[in-house]
């Protein structure tokens, strides 16, 4: 990429805006994750008391469940702000790509040098792809993880889930993802239980001839 003198001020402003937005998203995501974890912890405590079936624990169980629900609701309310910021980052990414090299985008996401060969090393591989598709944000911290744990990946997933659940086009796409031949055919689904835990729903089995 040949950088012109005219592009440099725009590049600096764009990168600066990206870093500010990234910090904002990371703070929101961290707080949301913390609230969800606290809510699940309280639900588990309430469930253990229910299992003991002690008559004097009814009030405490009700209090724990109420606090857990309040925390889960607070966590849910963060989703709107996270999605708004993530959408801004998605739009900003379209401007960042032609203004930066792939190596600069690696640096912007703190991608470890040892992890930079796992993705499609083309000049048009965007910030969004690096974070959400390849899960390379802060890659050294998450090396070996089965799930993409970067905060930006979390935020972009919120946008994708909102698209699947709340738009007509997304609902059509969503119906085909887990069907035979779909993109996520072999991926198990998870169902949220009343206590906040996730129950694994195995993928459908089919005979391959």
N, C-alpha and C. Protein backbone atom coordinates (compact mmCIF):
# COMPACT_ATOMS: atom_id res chain seq x y z
N UNK A 1 0.84 -1.20 0.00
CA UNK A 1 0.00 0.00 0.00
C UNK A 1 0.87 1.24 0.00
N UNK A 2 0.64 2.15 -0.95
CA UNK A 2 1.38 3.40 -1.02
C UNK A 2 0.56 4.48 -0.32
N UNK A 3 1.15 5.05 0.71
CA UNK A 3 0.42 6.04 1.51
C UNK A 3 0.75 7.44 1.03
N UNK A 4 -0.25 8.20 0.61
CA UNK A 4 -0.04 9.57 0.15
C UNK A 4 -0.06 10.53 1.33
N UNK A 5 0.46 11.72 1.10
CA UNK A 5 0.48 12.74 2.15
C UNK A 5 -0.94 13.15 2.54
N UNK A 6 -1.86 13.07 1.58
CA UNK A 6 -3.24 13.44 1.87
C UNK A 6 -3.94 12.41 2.76
N UNK A 7 -3.53 11.14 2.62
CA UNK A 7 -4.16 10.08 3.40
C UNK A 7 -3.72 10.07 4.85
N UNK A 8 -2.53 10.58 5.13
CA UNK A 8 -1.97 10.43 6.47
C UNK A 8 -2.83 11.04 7.57
N UNK A 9 -3.30 12.31 7.44
CA UNK A 9 -4.14 12.87 8.50
C UNK A 9 -5.42 12.06 8.72
N UNK A 10 -6.04 11.60 7.62
CA UNK A 10 -7.25 10.80 7.73
C UNK A 10 -6.95 9.47 8.40
N UNK A 11 -5.83 8.89 8.07
CA UNK A 11 -5.43 7.62 8.68
C UNK A 11 -5.25 7.78 10.19
N UNK A 12 -4.58 8.83 10.60
CA UNK A 12 -4.33 9.07 12.02
C UNK A 12 -5.65 9.26 12.78
N UNK A 13 -6.56 10.06 12.21
CA UNK A 13 -7.85 10.32 12.85
C UNK A 13 -8.68 9.05 12.93
N UNK A 14 -8.66 8.27 11.84
CA UNK A 14 -9.45 7.04 11.80
C UNK A 14 -8.94 6.02 12.81
N UNK A 15 -7.63 5.85 12.88
CA UNK A 15 -7.05 4.91 13.84
C UNK A 15 -7.31 5.37 15.27
N UNK A 16 -7.22 6.68 15.51
CA UNK A 16 -7.49 7.21 16.85
C UNK A 16 -8.93 6.94 17.26
N UNK A 17 -9.87 7.13 16.33
CA UNK A 17 -11.27 6.85 16.62
C UNK A 17 -11.48 5.37 16.89
N UNK A 18 -10.79 4.52 16.13
CA UNK A 18 -10.90 3.08 16.34
C UNK A 18 -10.45 2.70 17.75
N UNK A 19 -9.32 3.23 18.18
CA UNK A 19 -8.81 2.87 19.51
C UNK A 19 -9.75 3.35 20.62
N UNK A 20 -10.36 4.52 20.44
CA UNK A 20 -11.31 5.01 21.44
C UNK A 20 -12.55 4.11 21.48
N UNK A 21 -13.06 3.76 20.31
CA UNK A 21 -14.22 2.88 20.25
C UNK A 21 -13.91 1.50 20.80
N UNK A 22 -12.72 1.02 20.50
CA UNK A 22 -12.34 -0.31 20.99
C UNK A 22 -12.29 -0.32 22.52
N UNK A 23 -11.70 0.71 23.11
CA UNK A 23 -11.65 0.79 24.57
C UNK A 23 -13.06 0.82 25.15
N UNK A 24 -13.95 1.58 24.50
CA UNK A 24 -15.33 1.69 24.96
C UNK A 24 -16.03 0.33 24.90
N UNK A 25 -15.88 -0.37 23.79
CA UNK A 25 -16.50 -1.68 23.63
C UNK A 25 -15.95 -2.67 24.63
N UNK A 26 -14.65 -2.67 24.82
CA UNK A 26 -14.03 -3.62 25.76
C UNK A 26 -14.55 -3.40 27.17
N UNK A 27 -14.73 -2.13 27.57
CA UNK A 27 -15.25 -1.84 28.91
C UNK A 27 -16.68 -2.35 29.05
N UNK A 28 -17.50 -2.08 28.03
CA UNK A 28 -18.89 -2.52 28.07
C UNK A 28 -19.00 -4.05 28.12
N UNK A 29 -18.23 -4.71 27.28
CA UNK A 29 -18.28 -6.18 27.22
C UNK A 29 -17.81 -6.78 28.53
N UNK A 30 -16.72 -6.26 29.09
CA UNK A 30 -16.21 -6.78 30.36
C UNK A 30 -17.26 -6.64 31.46
N UNK A 31 -17.95 -5.49 31.49
CA UNK A 31 -18.97 -5.27 32.52
C UNK A 31 -20.15 -6.20 32.30
N UNK A 32 -20.55 -6.39 31.04
CA UNK A 32 -21.66 -7.28 30.75
C UNK A 32 -21.34 -8.72 31.16
N UNK A 33 -20.14 -9.18 30.82
CA UNK A 33 -19.73 -10.54 31.18
C UNK A 33 -19.70 -10.71 32.70
N UNK A 34 -19.19 -9.69 33.40
CA UNK A 34 -19.14 -9.73 34.87
C UNK A 34 -20.54 -9.85 35.46
N UNK A 35 -21.48 -9.06 34.96
CA UNK A 35 -22.85 -9.11 35.47
C UNK A 35 -23.48 -10.48 35.23
N UNK A 36 -23.25 -11.04 34.04
CA UNK A 36 -23.82 -12.36 33.74
C UNK A 36 -23.23 -13.44 34.64
N UNK A 37 -21.93 -13.35 34.87
CA UNK A 37 -21.29 -14.34 35.73
C UNK A 37 -21.81 -14.24 37.16
N UNK A 38 -21.96 -13.01 37.66
CA UNK A 38 -22.50 -12.82 39.00
C UNK A 38 -23.93 -13.34 39.09
N UNK A 39 -24.73 -13.09 38.05
CA UNK A 39 -26.09 -13.59 38.04
C UNK A 39 -26.16 -15.11 38.07
N UNK A 40 -25.29 -15.75 37.28
CA UNK A 40 -25.27 -17.22 37.27
C UNK A 40 -24.83 -17.77 38.63
N UNK A 41 -23.87 -17.09 39.27
CA UNK A 41 -23.41 -17.54 40.58
C UNK A 41 -24.55 -17.51 41.60
N UNK A 42 -25.33 -16.44 41.58
CA UNK A 42 -26.46 -16.33 42.51
C UNK A 42 -27.53 -17.38 42.21
N UNK A 43 -27.77 -17.63 40.92
CA UNK A 43 -28.74 -18.67 40.55
C UNK A 43 -28.28 -20.04 41.05
N UNK A 44 -26.99 -20.33 40.96
CA UNK A 44 -26.47 -21.62 41.42
C UNK A 44 -26.63 -21.75 42.93
N UNK A 45 -26.36 -20.66 43.65
CA UNK A 45 -26.54 -20.69 45.11
C UNK A 45 -27.99 -20.96 45.47
N UNK A 46 -28.90 -20.30 44.75
CA UNK A 46 -30.33 -20.51 45.02
C UNK A 46 -30.72 -21.95 44.72
N UNK A 47 -30.18 -22.51 43.63
CA UNK A 47 -30.53 -23.88 43.27
C UNK A 47 -30.04 -24.88 44.31
N UNK A 48 -28.85 -24.65 44.87
CA UNK A 48 -28.34 -25.55 45.91
C UNK A 48 -29.24 -25.52 47.15
N UNK A 49 -29.71 -24.32 47.49
CA UNK A 49 -30.61 -24.20 48.64
C UNK A 49 -31.95 -24.91 48.35
N UNK A 50 -32.42 -24.79 47.11
CA UNK A 50 -33.67 -25.47 46.74
C UNK A 50 -33.51 -26.98 46.86
N UNK A 51 -32.34 -27.47 46.47
CA UNK A 51 -32.09 -28.92 46.54
C UNK A 51 -32.10 -29.43 47.98
N UNK A 52 -31.69 -28.56 48.92
CA UNK A 52 -31.67 -28.96 50.33
C UNK A 52 -33.07 -28.97 50.93
N UNK A 53 -33.99 -28.23 50.28
CA UNK A 53 -35.41 -28.20 50.68
C UNK A 53 -35.61 -27.86 52.16
N UNK A 54 -34.84 -26.89 52.65
CA UNK A 54 -34.99 -26.46 54.04
C UNK A 54 -36.06 -25.37 54.10
N UNK A 55 -37.08 -25.52 54.93
CA UNK A 55 -38.20 -24.55 54.94
C UNK A 55 -37.80 -23.13 55.32
N UNK A 56 -36.71 -22.98 56.07
CA UNK A 56 -36.31 -21.65 56.51
C UNK A 56 -35.51 -20.90 55.43
N UNK A 57 -35.25 -21.54 54.29
CA UNK A 57 -34.46 -20.91 53.23
C UNK A 57 -35.31 -20.26 52.14
N UNK A 58 -36.62 -20.31 52.26
CA UNK A 58 -37.48 -19.79 51.19
C UNK A 58 -37.21 -18.31 50.91
N UNK A 59 -37.09 -17.52 51.95
CA UNK A 59 -36.87 -16.08 51.77
C UNK A 59 -35.50 -15.81 51.14
N UNK A 60 -34.50 -16.56 51.59
CA UNK A 60 -33.16 -16.37 51.04
C UNK A 60 -33.12 -16.78 49.57
N UNK A 61 -33.80 -17.87 49.22
CA UNK A 61 -33.84 -18.33 47.83
C UNK A 61 -34.49 -17.27 46.95
N UNK A 62 -35.60 -16.72 47.44
CA UNK A 62 -36.31 -15.69 46.67
C UNK A 62 -35.43 -14.46 46.47
N UNK A 63 -34.68 -14.09 47.52
CA UNK A 63 -33.80 -12.93 47.43
C UNK A 63 -32.66 -13.16 46.42
N UNK A 64 -32.07 -14.36 46.48
CA UNK A 64 -30.99 -14.69 45.54
C UNK A 64 -31.48 -14.69 44.10
N UNK A 65 -32.65 -15.29 43.87
CA UNK A 65 -33.21 -15.33 42.53
C UNK A 65 -33.53 -13.93 42.01
N UNK A 66 -34.06 -13.09 42.89
CA UNK A 66 -34.41 -11.72 42.49
C UNK A 66 -33.16 -10.92 42.12
N UNK A 67 -32.10 -11.06 42.94
CA UNK A 67 -30.85 -10.36 42.63
C UNK A 67 -30.22 -10.87 41.33
N UNK A 68 -30.31 -12.19 41.13
CA UNK A 68 -29.76 -12.79 39.91
C UNK A 68 -30.50 -12.26 38.68
N UNK A 69 -31.83 -12.19 38.76
CA UNK A 69 -32.62 -11.69 37.64
C UNK A 69 -32.30 -10.22 37.37
N UNK A 70 -32.08 -9.44 38.42
CA UNK A 70 -31.75 -8.04 38.25
C UNK A 70 -30.41 -7.88 37.53
N UNK A 71 -29.42 -8.70 37.92
CA UNK A 71 -28.11 -8.65 37.27
C UNK A 71 -28.19 -9.08 35.82
N UNK A 72 -28.97 -10.12 35.54
CA UNK A 72 -29.12 -10.58 34.16
C UNK A 72 -29.80 -9.51 33.31
N UNK A 73 -30.76 -8.79 33.89
CA UNK A 73 -31.44 -7.73 33.16
C UNK A 73 -30.47 -6.58 32.89
N UNK A 74 -29.65 -6.24 33.87
CA UNK A 74 -28.65 -5.18 33.66
C UNK A 74 -27.69 -5.59 32.55
N UNK A 75 -27.29 -6.85 32.55
CA UNK A 75 -26.37 -7.34 31.51
C UNK A 75 -27.04 -7.24 30.14
N UNK A 76 -28.32 -7.58 30.08
CA UNK A 76 -29.05 -7.51 28.81
C UNK A 76 -29.12 -6.08 28.30
N UNK A 77 -29.28 -5.13 29.20
CA UNK A 77 -29.39 -3.72 28.80
C UNK A 77 -28.10 -3.20 28.20
N UNK A 78 -26.97 -3.82 28.53
CA UNK A 78 -25.70 -3.42 27.92
C UNK A 78 -25.66 -3.77 26.43
N UNK A 79 -26.47 -4.74 26.02
CA UNK A 79 -26.41 -5.21 24.64
C UNK A 79 -26.67 -4.11 23.63
N UNK A 80 -27.62 -3.22 23.93
CA UNK A 80 -27.95 -2.16 22.98
C UNK A 80 -26.75 -1.27 22.72
N UNK A 81 -26.09 -0.84 23.78
CA UNK A 81 -24.93 0.04 23.61
C UNK A 81 -23.76 -0.70 22.94
N UNK A 82 -23.59 -1.97 23.27
CA UNK A 82 -22.54 -2.76 22.64
C UNK A 82 -22.78 -2.88 21.14
N UNK A 83 -24.02 -3.16 20.75
CA UNK A 83 -24.34 -3.31 19.33
C UNK A 83 -24.17 -1.99 18.58
N UNK A 84 -24.53 -0.89 19.21
CA UNK A 84 -24.36 0.42 18.57
C UNK A 84 -22.88 0.70 18.31
N UNK A 85 -22.05 0.45 19.32
CA UNK A 85 -20.62 0.68 19.16
C UNK A 85 -20.01 -0.29 18.15
N UNK A 86 -20.47 -1.54 18.17
CA UNK A 86 -19.95 -2.54 17.23
C UNK A 86 -20.31 -2.17 15.80
N UNK A 87 -21.51 -1.67 15.58
CA UNK A 87 -21.90 -1.24 14.24
C UNK A 87 -21.05 -0.07 13.76
N UNK A 88 -20.71 0.82 14.67
CA UNK A 88 -19.81 1.92 14.30
C UNK A 88 -18.44 1.38 13.91
N UNK A 89 -17.96 0.38 14.65
CA UNK A 89 -16.66 -0.22 14.32
C UNK A 89 -16.71 -0.94 12.97
N UNK A 90 -17.83 -1.57 12.67
CA UNK A 90 -17.98 -2.25 11.38
C UNK A 90 -17.90 -1.24 10.24
N UNK A 91 -18.58 -0.11 10.41
CA UNK A 91 -18.52 0.94 9.38
C UNK A 91 -17.12 1.55 9.31
N UNK A 92 -16.51 1.76 10.46
CA UNK A 92 -15.17 2.34 10.49
C UNK A 92 -14.15 1.40 9.86
N UNK A 93 -14.37 0.10 10.03
CA UNK A 93 -13.46 -0.90 9.46
C UNK A 93 -13.36 -0.77 7.95
N UNK A 94 -14.48 -0.39 7.31
CA UNK A 94 -14.47 -0.23 5.86
C UNK A 94 -13.55 0.91 5.42
N UNK A 95 -13.37 1.89 6.30
CA UNK A 95 -12.47 3.00 6.01
C UNK A 95 -11.04 2.66 6.38
N UNK A 96 -10.88 1.88 7.45
CA UNK A 96 -9.55 1.51 7.93
C UNK A 96 -8.81 0.65 6.91
N UNK A 97 -9.52 -0.30 6.29
CA UNK A 97 -8.87 -1.27 5.41
C UNK A 97 -8.04 -0.63 4.30
N UNK A 98 -8.58 0.32 3.52
CA UNK A 98 -7.76 0.90 2.46
C UNK A 98 -6.69 1.87 2.96
N UNK A 99 -6.79 2.29 4.20
CA UNK A 99 -5.83 3.25 4.74
C UNK A 99 -4.65 2.60 5.45
N UNK A 100 -4.75 1.31 5.75
CA UNK A 100 -3.72 0.63 6.54
C UNK A 100 -3.26 -0.64 5.84
N UNK A 101 -2.10 -1.12 6.27
CA UNK A 101 -1.61 -2.41 5.81
C UNK A 101 -2.17 -3.49 6.73
N UNK A 102 -2.09 -4.73 6.29
CA UNK A 102 -2.55 -5.83 7.14
C UNK A 102 -1.73 -5.90 8.42
N UNK A 103 -0.44 -5.65 8.33
CA UNK A 103 0.41 -5.68 9.52
C UNK A 103 -0.02 -4.61 10.52
N UNK A 104 -0.42 -3.45 10.02
CA UNK A 104 -0.90 -2.39 10.93
C UNK A 104 -2.20 -2.81 11.60
N UNK A 105 -3.06 -3.50 10.86
CA UNK A 105 -4.31 -3.96 11.45
C UNK A 105 -4.05 -5.05 12.49
N UNK A 106 -3.06 -5.90 12.24
CA UNK A 106 -2.64 -6.86 13.26
C UNK A 106 -2.24 -6.12 14.53
N UNK A 107 -1.44 -5.08 14.37
CA UNK A 107 -0.96 -4.31 15.53
C UNK A 107 -2.13 -3.65 16.26
N UNK A 108 -3.10 -3.16 15.51
CA UNK A 108 -4.25 -2.48 16.12
C UNK A 108 -5.06 -3.41 17.00
N UNK A 109 -5.03 -4.71 16.69
CA UNK A 109 -5.76 -5.69 17.49
C UNK A 109 -4.86 -6.45 18.45
N UNK A 110 -3.59 -6.05 18.53
CA UNK A 110 -2.63 -6.72 19.42
C UNK A 110 -2.52 -8.21 19.11
N UNK A 111 -2.37 -8.50 17.81
CA UNK A 111 -2.22 -9.89 17.37
C UNK A 111 -0.76 -10.30 17.50
N UNK A 112 -0.50 -11.36 18.23
CA UNK A 112 0.86 -11.84 18.41
C UNK A 112 1.45 -12.27 17.06
N UNK A 113 2.73 -11.99 16.88
CA UNK A 113 3.40 -12.32 15.62
C UNK A 113 3.27 -13.80 15.29
N UNK A 114 3.31 -14.64 16.32
CA UNK A 114 3.23 -16.09 16.11
C UNK A 114 1.86 -16.54 15.59
N UNK A 115 0.84 -15.68 15.72
CA UNK A 115 -0.52 -16.05 15.32
C UNK A 115 -0.96 -15.42 14.01
N UNK A 116 -0.07 -14.71 13.36
CA UNK A 116 -0.49 -13.93 12.19
C UNK A 116 -0.62 -14.75 10.91
N UNK A 117 -0.18 -15.98 10.92
CA UNK A 117 -0.26 -16.80 9.72
C UNK A 117 -1.52 -17.66 9.67
N UNK A 118 -2.38 -17.55 10.67
CA UNK A 118 -3.56 -18.42 10.69
C UNK A 118 -4.70 -17.86 9.84
N UNK A 119 -4.57 -16.62 9.38
CA UNK A 119 -5.65 -16.01 8.62
C UNK A 119 -5.24 -15.81 7.16
N UNK A 120 -6.21 -15.42 6.37
CA UNK A 120 -5.98 -15.11 4.96
C UNK A 120 -5.20 -13.80 4.88
N UNK A 121 -3.93 -13.90 4.54
CA UNK A 121 -3.07 -12.71 4.57
C UNK A 121 -3.21 -11.92 3.27
N UNK A 122 -4.35 -11.29 3.11
CA UNK A 122 -4.58 -10.43 1.96
C UNK A 122 -4.79 -9.01 2.44
N UNK A 123 -4.58 -8.06 1.54
CA UNK A 123 -4.66 -6.65 1.93
C UNK A 123 -6.07 -6.23 2.31
N UNK A 124 -7.09 -6.99 1.88
CA UNK A 124 -8.46 -6.59 2.20
C UNK A 124 -9.06 -7.37 3.37
N UNK A 125 -8.21 -8.11 4.13
CA UNK A 125 -8.70 -8.77 5.34
C UNK A 125 -8.93 -7.70 6.41
N UNK A 126 -10.19 -7.51 6.77
CA UNK A 126 -10.56 -6.37 7.60
C UNK A 126 -10.38 -6.62 9.09
N UNK A 127 -10.49 -5.54 9.84
CA UNK A 127 -10.48 -5.61 11.30
C UNK A 127 -11.59 -6.54 11.80
N UNK A 128 -12.77 -6.44 11.19
CA UNK A 128 -13.91 -7.26 11.60
C UNK A 128 -13.60 -8.74 11.38
N UNK A 129 -13.03 -9.08 10.22
CA UNK A 129 -12.68 -10.47 9.94
C UNK A 129 -11.62 -10.98 10.90
N UNK A 130 -10.61 -10.17 11.18
CA UNK A 130 -9.55 -10.60 12.08
C UNK A 130 -10.09 -10.88 13.48
N UNK A 131 -11.03 -10.04 13.94
CA UNK A 131 -11.56 -10.19 15.30
C UNK A 131 -12.65 -11.25 15.38
N UNK A 132 -13.62 -11.20 14.45
CA UNK A 132 -14.80 -12.05 14.57
C UNK A 132 -14.67 -13.40 13.89
N UNK A 133 -13.98 -13.46 12.76
CA UNK A 133 -13.85 -14.71 12.03
C UNK A 133 -12.66 -15.53 12.55
N UNK A 134 -11.52 -14.87 12.68
CA UNK A 134 -10.31 -15.57 13.10
C UNK A 134 -10.06 -15.49 14.61
N UNK A 135 -10.75 -14.58 15.30
CA UNK A 135 -10.61 -14.48 16.76
C UNK A 135 -9.20 -14.12 17.20
N UNK A 136 -8.58 -13.16 16.51
CA UNK A 136 -7.16 -12.86 16.76
C UNK A 136 -6.91 -11.69 17.70
N UNK A 137 -7.94 -11.02 18.16
CA UNK A 137 -7.72 -9.92 19.10
C UNK A 137 -7.04 -10.43 20.37
N UNK A 138 -5.94 -9.78 20.76
CA UNK A 138 -5.17 -10.21 21.94
C UNK A 138 -4.90 -11.72 21.86
N UNK A 139 -4.42 -12.16 20.72
CA UNK A 139 -4.34 -13.60 20.42
C UNK A 139 -3.51 -14.40 21.41
N UNK A 140 -2.47 -13.80 21.95
CA UNK A 140 -1.62 -14.55 22.89
C UNK A 140 -2.38 -14.94 24.15
N UNK A 141 -3.38 -14.14 24.53
CA UNK A 141 -4.16 -14.41 25.74
C UNK A 141 -5.13 -15.57 25.54
N UNK A 142 -5.53 -15.81 24.28
CA UNK A 142 -6.57 -16.79 24.01
C UNK A 142 -6.08 -17.97 23.18
N UNK A 143 -4.78 -18.11 23.05
CA UNK A 143 -4.25 -19.18 22.22
C UNK A 143 -4.69 -20.54 22.77
N UNK A 144 -5.21 -21.37 21.89
CA UNK A 144 -5.65 -22.70 22.29
C UNK A 144 -7.10 -22.77 22.74
N UNK A 145 -7.76 -21.63 22.84
CA UNK A 145 -9.16 -21.63 23.27
C UNK A 145 -10.06 -22.13 22.14
N UNK A 146 -11.13 -22.83 22.52
CA UNK A 146 -12.08 -23.31 21.53
C UNK A 146 -13.01 -22.21 21.05
N UNK A 147 -13.16 -21.16 21.86
CA UNK A 147 -14.10 -20.09 21.55
C UNK A 147 -13.35 -18.78 21.40
N UNK A 148 -13.81 -17.92 20.48
CA UNK A 148 -13.18 -16.62 20.27
C UNK A 148 -13.55 -15.71 21.44
N UNK A 149 -12.58 -15.36 22.27
CA UNK A 149 -12.89 -14.68 23.52
C UNK A 149 -12.59 -13.18 23.50
N UNK A 150 -12.10 -12.65 22.40
CA UNK A 150 -11.83 -11.22 22.35
C UNK A 150 -13.10 -10.41 22.52
N UNK A 151 -12.97 -9.23 23.12
CA UNK A 151 -14.15 -8.40 23.37
C UNK A 151 -14.82 -7.95 22.07
N UNK A 152 -14.00 -7.66 21.04
CA UNK A 152 -14.61 -7.26 19.77
C UNK A 152 -15.37 -8.40 19.13
N UNK A 153 -14.84 -9.62 19.22
CA UNK A 153 -15.57 -10.78 18.71
C UNK A 153 -16.91 -10.90 19.41
N UNK A 154 -16.91 -10.69 20.72
CA UNK A 154 -18.16 -10.72 21.51
C UNK A 154 -19.14 -9.67 20.99
N UNK A 155 -18.64 -8.46 20.75
CA UNK A 155 -19.50 -7.37 20.29
C UNK A 155 -20.05 -7.64 18.89
N UNK A 156 -19.21 -8.11 17.99
CA UNK A 156 -19.67 -8.41 16.63
C UNK A 156 -20.66 -9.57 16.64
N UNK A 157 -20.48 -10.53 17.55
CA UNK A 157 -21.44 -11.62 17.68
C UNK A 157 -22.81 -11.11 18.13
N UNK A 158 -22.82 -10.09 19.00
CA UNK A 158 -24.08 -9.48 19.43
C UNK A 158 -24.83 -8.92 18.21
N UNK A 159 -24.09 -8.26 17.31
CA UNK A 159 -24.70 -7.71 16.10
C UNK A 159 -25.25 -8.82 15.22
N UNK A 160 -24.47 -9.90 15.08
CA UNK A 160 -24.89 -11.02 14.23
C UNK A 160 -26.12 -11.71 14.80
N UNK A 161 -26.14 -11.93 16.11
CA UNK A 161 -27.29 -12.57 16.74
C UNK A 161 -28.54 -11.69 16.60
N UNK A 162 -28.36 -10.38 16.75
CA UNK A 162 -29.48 -9.46 16.59
C UNK A 162 -30.02 -9.53 15.16
N UNK A 163 -29.13 -9.64 14.19
CA UNK A 163 -29.53 -9.77 12.79
C UNK A 163 -30.33 -11.05 12.58
N UNK A 164 -29.84 -12.17 13.16
CA UNK A 164 -30.52 -13.45 12.98
C UNK A 164 -31.90 -13.48 13.65
N UNK A 165 -32.01 -12.83 14.80
CA UNK A 165 -33.24 -12.94 15.60
C UNK A 165 -34.27 -11.86 15.31
N UNK A 166 -33.82 -10.69 14.85
CA UNK A 166 -34.73 -9.55 14.81
C UNK A 166 -34.93 -8.92 13.43
N UNK A 167 -34.41 -9.55 12.39
CA UNK A 167 -34.66 -9.07 11.03
C UNK A 167 -35.23 -10.21 10.20
N UNK A 168 -36.09 -9.87 9.24
CA UNK A 168 -36.71 -10.89 8.42
C UNK A 168 -35.67 -11.67 7.63
N UNK A 169 -34.70 -10.93 7.06
CA UNK A 169 -33.64 -11.58 6.31
C UNK A 169 -32.82 -12.51 7.20
N UNK A 170 -32.53 -12.05 8.42
CA UNK A 170 -31.75 -12.85 9.34
C UNK A 170 -32.48 -14.11 9.77
N UNK A 171 -33.79 -14.01 9.97
CA UNK A 171 -34.56 -15.19 10.38
C UNK A 171 -34.54 -16.26 9.29
N UNK A 172 -34.59 -15.82 8.03
CA UNK A 172 -34.51 -16.77 6.92
C UNK A 172 -33.16 -17.47 6.91
N UNK A 173 -32.10 -16.67 7.10
CA UNK A 173 -30.75 -17.24 7.14
C UNK A 173 -30.61 -18.18 8.33
N UNK A 174 -31.13 -17.75 9.49
CA UNK A 174 -31.00 -18.53 10.72
C UNK A 174 -31.64 -19.91 10.62
N UNK A 175 -32.75 -20.01 9.89
CA UNK A 175 -33.44 -21.30 9.77
C UNK A 175 -32.60 -22.33 9.03
N UNK A 176 -31.71 -21.87 8.17
CA UNK A 176 -30.92 -22.80 7.35
C UNK A 176 -29.57 -23.15 7.96
N UNK A 177 -29.12 -22.37 8.95
CA UNK A 177 -27.76 -22.56 9.45
C UNK A 177 -27.53 -23.93 10.06
N UNK A 178 -28.50 -24.41 10.84
CA UNK A 178 -28.32 -25.67 11.57
C UNK A 178 -28.98 -26.86 10.87
N UNK A 179 -29.55 -26.60 9.69
CA UNK A 179 -30.17 -27.68 8.94
C UNK A 179 -29.11 -28.48 8.17
N UNK A 180 -29.44 -29.70 7.71
CA UNK A 180 -28.49 -30.47 6.89
C UNK A 180 -28.00 -29.66 5.70
N UNK A 181 -26.69 -29.57 5.58
CA UNK A 181 -26.11 -28.78 4.51
C UNK A 181 -25.84 -27.34 4.90
N UNK A 182 -26.35 -26.91 6.08
CA UNK A 182 -26.15 -25.54 6.54
C UNK A 182 -24.76 -25.31 7.08
N UNK A 183 -24.40 -24.04 7.22
CA UNK A 183 -23.06 -23.67 7.66
C UNK A 183 -22.72 -24.25 9.03
N UNK A 184 -23.72 -24.30 9.93
CA UNK A 184 -23.49 -24.75 11.30
C UNK A 184 -24.14 -26.10 11.57
N UNK A 185 -24.25 -26.92 10.53
CA UNK A 185 -24.93 -28.20 10.65
C UNK A 185 -24.38 -29.06 11.78
N UNK A 186 -23.06 -29.11 11.93
CA UNK A 186 -22.43 -30.01 12.90
C UNK A 186 -22.16 -29.36 14.25
N UNK A 187 -22.62 -28.11 14.42
CA UNK A 187 -22.37 -27.38 15.66
C UNK A 187 -23.52 -27.61 16.64
N UNK A 188 -23.25 -28.05 17.87
CA UNK A 188 -24.33 -28.25 18.84
C UNK A 188 -24.93 -26.92 19.29
N UNK A 189 -26.22 -26.90 19.53
CA UNK A 189 -26.89 -25.70 20.02
C UNK A 189 -26.98 -25.78 21.54
N UNK A 190 -27.20 -24.63 22.19
CA UNK A 190 -27.33 -24.59 23.64
C UNK A 190 -28.61 -23.85 24.00
N UNK A 191 -29.32 -24.37 24.97
CA UNK A 191 -30.58 -23.79 25.42
C UNK A 191 -30.39 -23.23 26.82
N UNK A 192 -30.77 -21.95 27.01
CA UNK A 192 -30.63 -21.31 28.32
C UNK A 192 -31.69 -21.83 29.28
N UNK A 193 -31.25 -22.30 30.43
CA UNK A 193 -32.16 -22.81 31.46
C UNK A 193 -32.62 -21.67 32.37
N UNK A 194 -33.68 -21.87 33.15
CA UNK A 194 -34.19 -20.82 34.04
C UNK A 194 -33.15 -20.28 35.02
N UNK A 195 -32.18 -21.13 35.41
CA UNK A 195 -31.17 -20.68 36.37
C UNK A 195 -29.99 -20.01 35.69
N UNK A 196 -30.06 -19.80 34.38
CA UNK A 196 -28.99 -19.12 33.67
C UNK A 196 -27.94 -20.05 33.09
N UNK A 197 -27.98 -21.34 33.41
CA UNK A 197 -27.01 -22.28 32.86
C UNK A 197 -27.42 -22.66 31.44
N UNK A 198 -26.47 -23.24 30.71
CA UNK A 198 -26.72 -23.64 29.33
C UNK A 198 -26.78 -25.16 29.21
N UNK A 199 -27.81 -25.65 28.57
CA UNK A 199 -27.94 -27.08 28.32
C UNK A 199 -27.55 -27.37 26.88
N UNK A 200 -26.62 -28.30 26.70
CA UNK A 200 -26.14 -28.62 25.35
C UNK A 200 -27.18 -29.42 24.60
N UNK A 201 -27.51 -28.95 23.38
CA UNK A 201 -28.44 -29.65 22.51
C UNK A 201 -27.61 -30.21 21.35
N UNK A 202 -27.40 -31.52 21.32
CA UNK A 202 -26.52 -32.10 20.30
C UNK A 202 -27.04 -31.88 18.89
N UNK A 203 -26.14 -31.80 17.91
CA UNK A 203 -26.58 -31.62 16.52
C UNK A 203 -27.35 -32.84 16.03
N UNK A 204 -28.18 -32.61 15.03
CA UNK A 204 -28.94 -33.70 14.46
C UNK A 204 -28.01 -34.71 13.79
N UNK A 205 -28.34 -35.98 13.96
CA UNK A 205 -27.55 -37.03 13.32
C UNK A 205 -28.16 -37.40 11.99
N UNK A 206 -27.33 -37.70 11.04
CA UNK A 206 -27.82 -38.18 9.76
C UNK A 206 -26.87 -39.21 9.20
N UNK A 207 -27.40 -40.10 8.43
CA UNK A 207 -26.59 -41.19 7.86
C UNK A 207 -25.89 -40.67 6.62
N UNK A 208 -24.59 -40.88 6.58
CA UNK A 208 -23.79 -40.49 5.42
C UNK A 208 -23.49 -41.74 4.62
N UNK A 209 -23.93 -41.76 3.38
CA UNK A 209 -23.73 -42.93 2.54
C UNK A 209 -22.56 -42.73 1.57
